[in-house]
Amino acid sequence: MYCSGFTTHVAPENHMNITTERDFIVNKSELIEAIAQEADLSKASAAKALDGMISAVTNALKGGDTVTLVGFGTFYVGERAARAGRNPKTGEPLEIKAAKTPKFRAGKALKDAL
């Protein structure tokens, strides 16, 4: 996958101890480029494929379904319970409503790859 960069950090107490960390976020256009390269597609076709996948997963979750991509992971709808909160400006207590939220659980192959 195409990724945008690396950052080298030097520990101040020991300048000989150099570590390299990945310091980037892959955005949608970079992901489209990576899909195009991996699948030998044009960027336009890769963009359509990614948009189609996002739309299909979103619609499935809206319908209450679970989407499992074997080896990658599972998208599902989680429930967040109602809870007490506070208005940050006034400090006044308020009730935060229960909500449905999208969740992702990584599959074994994805976990092993990391």
N, C-alpha and C. Protein backbone atom coordinates (compact mmCIF):
# COMPACT_ATOMS: atom_id res chain seq x y z
N MET A 1 0.84 -1.17 0.00
CA MET A 1 0.00 0.00 0.00
C MET A 1 0.89 1.23 0.00
N TYR A 2 0.50 2.24 -0.72
CA TYR A 2 1.22 3.50 -0.76
C TYR A 2 1.00 4.24 0.54
N CYS A 3 2.06 4.71 1.18
CA CYS A 3 1.95 5.48 2.40
C CYS A 3 2.84 6.70 2.28
N SER A 4 2.45 7.78 2.96
CA SER A 4 3.06 9.06 2.67
C SER A 4 4.38 9.39 3.35
N GLY A 5 4.76 8.77 4.48
CA GLY A 5 6.04 9.19 5.03
C GLY A 5 6.42 8.55 6.34
N PHE A 6 7.65 8.83 6.75
CA PHE A 6 8.20 8.32 8.00
C PHE A 6 8.84 9.48 8.75
N THR A 7 8.89 9.37 10.07
CA THR A 7 9.56 10.36 10.89
C THR A 7 10.60 9.64 11.73
N THR A 8 11.79 10.21 11.84
CA THR A 8 12.84 9.63 12.67
C THR A 8 12.93 10.44 13.95
N HIS A 9 12.91 9.75 15.09
CA HIS A 9 12.99 10.40 16.39
C HIS A 9 14.31 10.02 17.05
N VAL A 10 14.98 10.99 17.66
CA VAL A 10 16.21 10.72 18.39
C VAL A 10 15.93 10.93 19.87
N ALA A 11 16.23 9.92 20.69
CA ALA A 11 16.03 10.04 22.12
C ALA A 11 17.02 11.04 22.68
N PRO A 12 16.56 12.06 23.45
CA PRO A 12 17.45 13.12 23.91
C PRO A 12 18.56 12.62 24.84
N GLU A 13 18.29 11.59 25.66
CA GLU A 13 19.30 11.12 26.60
C GLU A 13 20.37 10.26 25.95
N ASN A 14 20.11 9.73 24.78
CA ASN A 14 21.07 8.88 24.12
C ASN A 14 20.92 9.06 22.61
N HIS A 15 21.77 9.89 22.03
CA HIS A 15 21.65 10.20 20.61
C HIS A 15 21.96 9.01 19.71
N MET A 16 22.46 7.92 20.26
CA MET A 16 22.75 6.74 19.46
C MET A 16 21.51 5.84 19.35
N ASN A 17 20.49 6.12 20.16
CA ASN A 17 19.28 5.31 20.15
C ASN A 17 18.27 5.96 19.20
N ILE A 18 18.28 5.57 17.94
CA ILE A 18 17.40 6.14 16.93
C ILE A 18 16.29 5.15 16.64
N THR A 19 15.05 5.63 16.71
CA THR A 19 13.90 4.79 16.36
C THR A 19 13.17 5.42 15.20
N THR A 20 12.59 4.60 14.38
CA THR A 20 11.80 5.10 13.26
C THR A 20 10.35 4.74 13.51
N GLU A 21 9.47 5.74 13.46
CA GLU A 21 8.05 5.52 13.64
C GLU A 21 7.31 5.91 12.38
N ARG A 22 6.25 5.19 12.07
CA ARG A 22 5.38 5.59 10.98
C ARG A 22 4.53 6.72 11.52
N ASP A 23 4.51 7.84 10.84
CA ASP A 23 3.81 9.01 11.32
C ASP A 23 2.95 9.56 10.19
N PHE A 24 1.87 8.84 9.84
CA PHE A 24 1.04 9.28 8.73
C PHE A 24 -0.36 8.71 8.86
N ILE A 25 -1.25 9.28 8.10
CA ILE A 25 -2.61 8.78 7.96
C ILE A 25 -2.87 8.63 6.48
N VAL A 26 -3.39 7.50 6.07
CA VAL A 26 -3.72 7.27 4.66
C VAL A 26 -5.09 7.89 4.41
N ASN A 27 -5.17 8.85 3.49
CA ASN A 27 -6.46 9.46 3.18
C ASN A 27 -7.13 8.73 2.02
N LYS A 28 -8.33 9.17 1.66
CA LYS A 28 -9.11 8.46 0.64
C LYS A 28 -8.40 8.43 -0.71
N SER A 29 -7.81 9.54 -1.13
CA SER A 29 -7.15 9.55 -2.45
C SER A 29 -5.93 8.63 -2.46
N GLU A 30 -5.20 8.54 -1.35
CA GLU A 30 -4.06 7.62 -1.27
C GLU A 30 -4.54 6.17 -1.27
N LEU A 31 -5.66 5.92 -0.61
CA LEU A 31 -6.22 4.57 -0.61
C LEU A 31 -6.68 4.18 -2.01
N ILE A 32 -7.29 5.10 -2.73
CA ILE A 32 -7.71 4.84 -4.11
C ILE A 32 -6.50 4.52 -4.98
N GLU A 33 -5.43 5.28 -4.80
CA GLU A 33 -4.20 5.03 -5.57
C GLU A 33 -3.65 3.63 -5.26
N ALA A 34 -3.67 3.25 -3.98
CA ALA A 34 -3.17 1.93 -3.58
C ALA A 34 -4.03 0.82 -4.17
N ILE A 35 -5.35 1.00 -4.14
CA ILE A 35 -6.26 0.00 -4.72
C ILE A 35 -6.01 -0.13 -6.22
N ALA A 36 -5.84 1.01 -6.89
CA ALA A 36 -5.59 1.00 -8.34
C ALA A 36 -4.32 0.22 -8.66
N GLN A 37 -3.26 0.43 -7.87
CA GLN A 37 -2.00 -0.27 -8.11
C GLN A 37 -2.12 -1.76 -7.80
N GLU A 38 -2.72 -2.09 -6.65
CA GLU A 38 -2.83 -3.50 -6.22
C GLU A 38 -3.71 -4.32 -7.16
N ALA A 39 -4.80 -3.73 -7.67
CA ALA A 39 -5.76 -4.46 -8.49
C ALA A 39 -5.60 -4.19 -9.98
N ASP A 40 -4.56 -3.44 -10.34
CA ASP A 40 -4.30 -3.09 -11.74
C ASP A 40 -5.54 -2.46 -12.39
N LEU A 41 -6.07 -1.42 -11.72
CA LEU A 41 -7.24 -0.69 -12.19
C LEU A 41 -6.87 0.76 -12.44
N SER A 42 -7.71 1.45 -13.17
CA SER A 42 -7.54 2.90 -13.29
C SER A 42 -7.96 3.51 -11.95
N LYS A 43 -7.51 4.74 -11.70
CA LYS A 43 -7.91 5.41 -10.45
C LYS A 43 -9.42 5.62 -10.42
N ALA A 44 -10.02 5.90 -11.58
CA ALA A 44 -11.47 6.11 -11.63
C ALA A 44 -12.21 4.83 -11.25
N SER A 45 -11.75 3.69 -11.76
CA SER A 45 -12.38 2.40 -11.42
C SER A 45 -12.17 2.07 -9.95
N ALA A 46 -10.99 2.35 -9.44
CA ALA A 46 -10.70 2.09 -8.03
C ALA A 46 -11.58 2.97 -7.14
N ALA A 47 -11.78 4.22 -7.54
CA ALA A 47 -12.63 5.14 -6.78
C ALA A 47 -14.07 4.63 -6.76
N LYS A 48 -14.56 4.15 -7.91
CA LYS A 48 -15.92 3.60 -7.98
C LYS A 48 -16.04 2.37 -7.09
N ALA A 49 -15.03 1.52 -7.11
CA ALA A 49 -15.05 0.31 -6.29
C ALA A 49 -15.07 0.66 -4.80
N LEU A 50 -14.23 1.60 -4.39
CA LEU A 50 -14.18 2.00 -2.98
C LEU A 50 -15.49 2.65 -2.57
N ASP A 51 -16.01 3.56 -3.40
CA ASP A 51 -17.29 4.20 -3.09
C ASP A 51 -18.42 3.18 -3.01
N GLY A 52 -18.40 2.19 -3.90
CA GLY A 52 -19.40 1.13 -3.87
C GLY A 52 -19.32 0.30 -2.60
N MET A 53 -18.11 -0.01 -2.18
CA MET A 53 -17.91 -0.79 -0.95
C MET A 53 -18.41 0.00 0.26
N ILE A 54 -18.05 1.28 0.33
CA ILE A 54 -18.49 2.12 1.45
C ILE A 54 -20.01 2.21 1.47
N SER A 55 -20.61 2.41 0.32
CA SER A 55 -22.07 2.51 0.22
C SER A 55 -22.75 1.20 0.63
N ALA A 56 -22.22 0.08 0.16
CA ALA A 56 -22.81 -1.23 0.49
C ALA A 56 -22.72 -1.52 1.98
N VAL A 57 -21.58 -1.23 2.60
CA VAL A 57 -21.42 -1.46 4.04
C VAL A 57 -22.35 -0.54 4.81
N THR A 58 -22.41 0.74 4.42
CA THR A 58 -23.28 1.70 5.10
C THR A 58 -24.74 1.27 5.03
N ASN A 59 -25.20 0.88 3.84
CA ASN A 59 -26.59 0.45 3.68
C ASN A 59 -26.90 -0.82 4.47
N ALA A 60 -25.96 -1.74 4.52
CA ALA A 60 -26.15 -2.97 5.30
C ALA A 60 -26.28 -2.63 6.79
N LEU A 61 -25.41 -1.74 7.28
CA LEU A 61 -25.47 -1.36 8.69
C LEU A 61 -26.76 -0.61 9.01
N LYS A 62 -27.20 0.26 8.09
CA LYS A 62 -28.48 0.96 8.28
C LYS A 62 -29.62 -0.03 8.43
N GLY A 63 -29.55 -1.13 7.71
CA GLY A 63 -30.58 -2.16 7.77
C GLY A 63 -30.43 -3.10 8.97
N GLY A 64 -29.43 -2.84 9.80
CA GLY A 64 -29.22 -3.67 10.99
C GLY A 64 -28.42 -4.93 10.73
N ASP A 65 -27.84 -5.04 9.54
CA ASP A 65 -27.05 -6.22 9.20
C ASP A 65 -25.61 -6.09 9.69
N THR A 66 -24.92 -7.21 9.70
CA THR A 66 -23.49 -7.27 10.00
C THR A 66 -22.78 -7.62 8.71
N VAL A 67 -21.63 -6.99 8.45
CA VAL A 67 -20.86 -7.27 7.23
C VAL A 67 -19.54 -7.90 7.65
N THR A 68 -19.30 -9.14 7.21
CA THR A 68 -18.07 -9.84 7.54
C THR A 68 -17.26 -10.05 6.28
N LEU A 69 -16.03 -9.59 6.29
CA LEU A 69 -15.07 -9.84 5.22
C LEU A 69 -14.04 -10.80 5.81
N VAL A 70 -14.17 -12.07 5.49
CA VAL A 70 -13.34 -13.11 6.09
C VAL A 70 -11.86 -12.76 5.91
N GLY A 71 -11.12 -12.81 7.00
CA GLY A 71 -9.70 -12.50 6.98
C GLY A 71 -9.41 -11.03 7.22
N PHE A 72 -10.41 -10.17 7.05
CA PHE A 72 -10.21 -8.74 7.26
C PHE A 72 -10.88 -8.27 8.54
N GLY A 73 -12.19 -8.48 8.64
CA GLY A 73 -12.88 -8.06 9.85
C GLY A 73 -14.38 -7.99 9.66
N THR A 74 -15.05 -7.50 10.70
CA THR A 74 -16.50 -7.43 10.73
C THR A 74 -16.95 -6.03 11.10
N PHE A 75 -17.85 -5.49 10.27
CA PHE A 75 -18.50 -4.22 10.57
C PHE A 75 -19.86 -4.56 11.19
N TYR A 76 -20.23 -3.88 12.28
CA TYR A 76 -21.51 -4.14 12.91
C TYR A 76 -22.00 -2.88 13.61
N VAL A 77 -23.26 -2.90 14.03
CA VAL A 77 -23.85 -1.76 14.72
C VAL A 77 -23.81 -2.03 16.22
N GLY A 78 -23.23 -1.10 16.96
CA GLY A 78 -23.19 -1.20 18.41
C GLY A 78 -24.19 -0.25 19.03
N GLU A 79 -24.54 -0.49 20.26
CA GLU A 79 -25.48 0.36 20.99
C GLU A 79 -24.71 1.11 22.07
N ARG A 80 -24.90 2.41 22.11
CA ARG A 80 -24.33 3.22 23.18
C ARG A 80 -25.48 3.63 24.09
N ALA A 81 -25.41 3.30 25.36
CA ALA A 81 -26.49 3.56 26.30
C ALA A 81 -26.63 5.06 26.57
N ALA A 82 -27.83 5.46 27.00
CA ALA A 82 -28.04 6.83 27.43
C ALA A 82 -27.19 7.07 28.68
N ARG A 83 -26.76 8.31 28.84
CA ARG A 83 -25.93 8.61 30.01
C ARG A 83 -26.09 10.07 30.40
N ALA A 84 -25.66 10.38 31.60
CA ALA A 84 -25.70 11.76 32.08
C ALA A 84 -24.46 12.49 31.57
N GLY A 85 -24.63 13.75 31.24
CA GLY A 85 -23.51 14.57 30.79
C GLY A 85 -23.65 15.97 31.33
N ARG A 86 -22.77 16.86 30.90
CA ARG A 86 -22.83 18.26 31.33
C ARG A 86 -22.60 19.16 30.14
N ASN A 87 -23.30 20.28 30.11
CA ASN A 87 -23.07 21.31 29.11
C ASN A 87 -21.70 21.91 29.42
N PRO A 88 -20.75 21.87 28.49
CA PRO A 88 -19.40 22.36 28.78
C PRO A 88 -19.34 23.87 29.06
N LYS A 89 -20.28 24.63 28.52
CA LYS A 89 -20.27 26.08 28.76
C LYS A 89 -20.85 26.45 30.11
N THR A 90 -21.99 25.83 30.45
CA THR A 90 -22.70 26.23 31.67
C THR A 90 -22.49 25.26 32.83
N GLY A 91 -22.05 24.05 32.55
CA GLY A 91 -21.90 23.05 33.59
C GLY A 91 -23.22 22.41 33.99
N GLU A 92 -24.31 22.82 33.32
CA GLU A 92 -25.63 22.30 33.63
C GLU A 92 -25.74 20.82 33.23
N PRO A 93 -26.28 19.97 34.12
CA PRO A 93 -26.44 18.56 33.78
C PRO A 93 -27.44 18.39 32.63
N LEU A 94 -27.20 17.37 31.80
CA LEU A 94 -28.12 17.06 30.71
C LEU A 94 -28.07 15.57 30.43
N GLU A 95 -29.09 15.09 29.73
CA GLU A 95 -29.19 13.67 29.38
C GLU A 95 -28.71 13.48 27.95
N ILE A 96 -27.72 12.61 27.76
CA ILE A 96 -27.24 12.26 26.42
C ILE A 96 -27.99 11.01 26.00
N LYS A 97 -28.70 11.10 24.87
CA LYS A 97 -29.55 10.00 24.40
C LYS A 97 -28.74 8.77 24.00
N ALA A 98 -29.39 7.63 24.06
CA ALA A 98 -28.80 6.39 23.55
C ALA A 98 -28.60 6.55 22.05
N ALA A 99 -27.60 5.86 21.50
CA ALA A 99 -27.31 5.99 20.07
C ALA A 99 -26.78 4.68 19.52
N LYS A 100 -27.02 4.49 18.23
CA LYS A 100 -26.41 3.39 17.50
C LYS A 100 -25.12 3.92 16.91
N THR A 101 -24.08 3.10 16.93
CA THR A 101 -22.79 3.54 16.42
C THR A 101 -22.13 2.43 15.62
N PRO A 102 -21.45 2.78 14.51
CA PRO A 102 -20.77 1.74 13.74
C PRO A 102 -19.54 1.24 14.48
N LYS A 103 -19.30 -0.05 14.40
CA LYS A 103 -18.15 -0.68 15.06
C LYS A 103 -17.43 -1.55 14.05
N PHE A 104 -16.16 -1.82 14.34
CA PHE A 104 -15.36 -2.72 13.50
C PHE A 104 -14.53 -3.61 14.41
N ARG A 105 -14.56 -4.91 14.12
CA ARG A 105 -13.75 -5.88 14.85
C ARG A 105 -12.81 -6.52 13.84
N ALA A 106 -11.51 -6.36 14.05
CA ALA A 106 -10.51 -6.89 13.12
C ALA A 106 -10.52 -8.42 13.13
N GLY A 107 -10.33 -9.00 11.95
CA GLY A 107 -10.24 -10.45 11.81
C GLY A 107 -8.84 -10.95 12.13
N LYS A 108 -8.70 -12.25 12.27
CA LYS A 108 -7.43 -12.86 12.65
C LYS A 108 -6.31 -12.53 11.66
N ALA A 109 -6.58 -12.62 10.37
CA ALA A 109 -5.53 -12.36 9.37
C ALA A 109 -5.04 -10.92 9.46
N LEU A 110 -5.95 -9.98 9.68
CA LEU A 110 -5.56 -8.57 9.82
C LEU A 110 -4.73 -8.38 11.09
N LYS A 111 -5.17 -8.97 12.18
CA LYS A 111 -4.42 -8.87 13.44
C LYS A 111 -3.03 -9.47 13.28
N ASP A 112 -2.94 -10.63 12.63
CA ASP A 112 -1.65 -11.28 12.43
C ASP A 112 -0.73 -10.47 11.53
N ALA A 113 -1.30 -9.73 10.58
CA ALA A 113 -0.50 -8.92 9.66
C ALA A 113 0.14 -7.73 10.37
N LEU A 114 -0.45 -7.31 11.48
CA LEU A 114 0.09 -6.18 12.23
C LEU A 114 1.09 -6.67 13.22
